[in-house]
Amino acid sequence: MIELELFAFLSALLALIGGIATLFAKNAFDKLITLAILAAGAVICMVSRDCLDVAIVVALMMPIGTIFILLLCRKKPEGLQ
């Protein structure tokens, strides 16, 4: 039982570190990486708390969100303003 509590604590710590790093990241791609760290910690925390249905939904939605964020971050052609 102590191992599960330690596992949940470490995953929450990973999510917290990802959230703090997201606040201080300046580049959009760096923010994307730190958001992925936050989501990884959140998914691990959900799995350790037996919320598997929510963890599956989050794990499926994160790559879709990443694709949309990458589309928003791409560079525009120089001819367009």
C-alpha atoms as a PDB file:
ATOM      1  CA  MET A   1       0.000   0.000   0.000  1.00  0.00           C
ATOM      2  CA  ILE A   2       2.872   2.371   0.720  1.00  0.00           C
ATOM      3  CA  GLU A   3       4.210   1.797  -2.794  1.00  0.00           C
ATOM      4  CA  LEU A   4       0.926   2.965  -4.346  1.00  0.00           C
ATOM      5  CA  GLU A   5       0.897   6.132  -2.244  1.00  0.00           C
ATOM      6  CA  LEU A   6       4.502   6.848  -3.203  1.00  0.00           C
ATOM      7  CA  PHE A   7       3.637   6.182  -6.856  1.00  0.00           C
ATOM      8  CA  ALA A   8       0.699   8.614  -6.681  1.00  0.00           C
ATOM      9  CA  PHE A   9       2.871  11.224  -4.946  1.00  0.00           C
ATOM     10  CA  LEU A  10       5.616  10.963  -7.570  1.00  0.00           C
ATOM     11  CA  SER A  11       3.125  11.216 -10.437  1.00  0.00           C
ATOM     12  CA  ALA A  12       1.518  14.284  -8.844  1.00  0.00           C
ATOM     13  CA  LEU A  13       4.999  15.761  -8.438  1.00  0.00           C
ATOM     14  CA  LEU A  14       5.681  15.117 -12.138  1.00  0.00           C
ATOM     15  CA  ALA A  15       2.454  16.903 -13.065  1.00  0.00           C
ATOM     16  CA  LEU A  16       3.328  19.812 -10.775  1.00  0.00           C
ATOM     17  CA  ILE A  17       6.819  20.132 -12.260  1.00  0.00           C
ATOM     18  CA  GLY A  18       5.296  20.083 -15.756  1.00  0.00           C
ATOM     19  CA  GLY A  19       2.826  22.803 -14.807  1.00  0.00           C
ATOM     20  CA  ILE A  20       5.477  25.065 -13.291  1.00  0.00           C
ATOM     21  CA  ALA A  21       7.756  24.522 -16.290  1.00  0.00           C
ATOM     22  CA  THR A  22       4.865  25.452 -18.583  1.00  0.00           C
ATOM     23  CA  LEU A  23       4.477  28.762 -16.780  1.00  0.00           C
ATOM     24  CA  PHE A  24       8.113  29.682 -17.320  1.00  0.00           C
ATOM     25  CA  ALA A  25       8.595  28.356 -20.870  1.00  0.00           C
ATOM     26  CA  LYS A  26       8.846  31.127 -23.457  1.00  0.00           C
ATOM     27  CA  ASN A  27       8.876  29.181 -26.726  1.00  0.00           C
ATOM     28  CA  ALA A  28       5.622  27.622 -27.943  1.00  0.00           C
ATOM     29  CA  PHE A  29       7.296  24.295 -28.660  1.00  0.00           C
ATOM     30  CA  ASP A  30       8.844  24.247 -25.189  1.00  0.00           C
ATOM     31  CA  LYS A  31       5.379  24.821 -23.760  1.00  0.00           C
ATOM     32  CA  LEU A  32       4.130  21.862 -25.769  1.00  0.00           C
ATOM     33  CA  ILE A  33       6.815  19.614 -24.296  1.00  0.00           C
ATOM     34  CA  THR A  34       6.112  20.751 -20.748  1.00  0.00           C
ATOM     35  CA  LEU A  35       2.377  20.253 -21.252  1.00  0.00           C
ATOM     36  CA  ALA A  36       3.118  16.685 -22.315  1.00  0.00           C
ATOM     37  CA  ILE A  37       5.072  16.196 -19.069  1.00  0.00           C
ATOM     38  CA  LEU A  38       2.118  17.564 -17.122  1.00  0.00           C
ATOM     39  CA  ALA A  39      -0.294  15.254 -18.928  1.00  0.00           C
ATOM     40  CA  ALA A  40       1.965  12.243 -18.350  1.00  0.00           C
ATOM     41  CA  GLY A  41       1.976  12.898 -14.622  1.00  0.00           C
ATOM     42  CA  ALA A  42      -1.785  13.385 -14.620  1.00  0.00           C
ATOM     43  CA  VAL A  43      -2.424  10.139 -16.517  1.00  0.00           C
ATOM     44  CA  ILE A  44      -0.149   8.182 -14.181  1.00  0.00           C
ATOM     45  CA  CYS A  45      -1.952   9.689 -11.186  1.00  0.00           C
ATOM     46  CA  MET A  46      -5.330   8.723 -12.661  1.00  0.00           C
ATOM     47  CA  VAL A  47      -4.179   5.157 -13.280  1.00  0.00           C
ATOM     48  CA  SER A  48      -2.837   4.838  -9.747  1.00  0.00           C
ATOM     49  CA  ARG A  49      -6.235   6.000  -8.410  1.00  0.00           C
ATOM     50  CA  ASP A  50      -8.095   3.413 -10.575  1.00  0.00           C
ATOM     51  CA  CYS A  51      -9.748   5.999 -12.839  1.00  0.00           C
ATOM     52  CA  LEU A  52      -8.888   4.040 -15.955  1.00  0.00           C
ATOM     53  CA  ASP A  53     -11.740   5.349 -18.091  1.00  0.00           C
ATOM     54  CA  VAL A  54     -10.681   8.957 -17.556  1.00  0.00           C
ATOM     55  CA  ALA A  55      -7.023   8.061 -18.114  1.00  0.00           C
ATOM     56  CA  ILE A  56      -7.882   6.418 -21.440  1.00  0.00           C
ATOM     57  CA  VAL A  57      -9.802   9.478 -22.617  1.00  0.00           C
ATOM     58  CA  VAL A  58      -6.971  11.832 -21.620  1.00  0.00           C
ATOM     59  CA  ALA A  59      -4.377   9.576 -23.244  1.00  0.00           C
ATOM     60  CA  LEU A  60      -6.387   9.586 -26.484  1.00  0.00           C
ATOM     61  CA  MET A  61      -7.092  13.326 -26.481  1.00  0.00           C
ATOM     62  CA  MET A  62      -3.537  14.534 -25.790  1.00  0.00           C
ATOM     63  CA  PRO A  63      -2.084  13.561 -29.203  1.00  0.00           C
ATOM     64  CA  ILE A  64      -5.049  15.176 -30.954  1.00  0.00           C
ATOM     65  CA  GLY A  65      -4.516  18.359 -28.951  1.00  0.00           C
ATOM     66  CA  THR A  66      -0.820  18.236 -29.763  1.00  0.00           C
ATOM     67  CA  ILE A  67      -1.565  18.114 -33.484  1.00  0.00           C
ATOM     68  CA  PHE A  68      -3.828  21.168 -33.208  1.00  0.00           C
ATOM     69  CA  ILE A  69      -1.226  23.083 -31.200  1.00  0.00           C
ATOM     70  CA  LEU A  70       1.462  22.241 -33.762  1.00  0.00           C
ATOM     71  CA  LEU A  71      -0.815  23.504 -36.549  1.00  0.00           C
ATOM     72  CA  LEU A  72      -1.270  26.774 -34.666  1.00  0.00           C
ATOM     73  CA  CYS A  73       2.481  27.153 -34.032  1.00  0.00           C
ATOM     74  CA  ARG A  74       3.632  26.641 -37.604  1.00  0.00           C
ATOM     75  CA  LYS A  75       5.262  29.520 -39.418  1.00  0.00           C
ATOM     76  CA  LYS A  76       3.271  31.511 -41.913  1.00  0.00           C
ATOM     77  CA  PRO A  77       4.684  32.092 -45.389  1.00  0.00           C
ATOM     78  CA  GLU A  78       6.510  35.403 -45.652  1.00  0.00           C
ATOM     79  CA  GLY A  79       4.185  36.722 -48.359  1.00  0.00           C
ATOM     80  CA  LEU A  80       1.147  36.556 -46.059  1.00  0.00           C
ATOM     81  CA  GLN A  81       0.523  38.868 -43.133  1.00  0.00           C
END
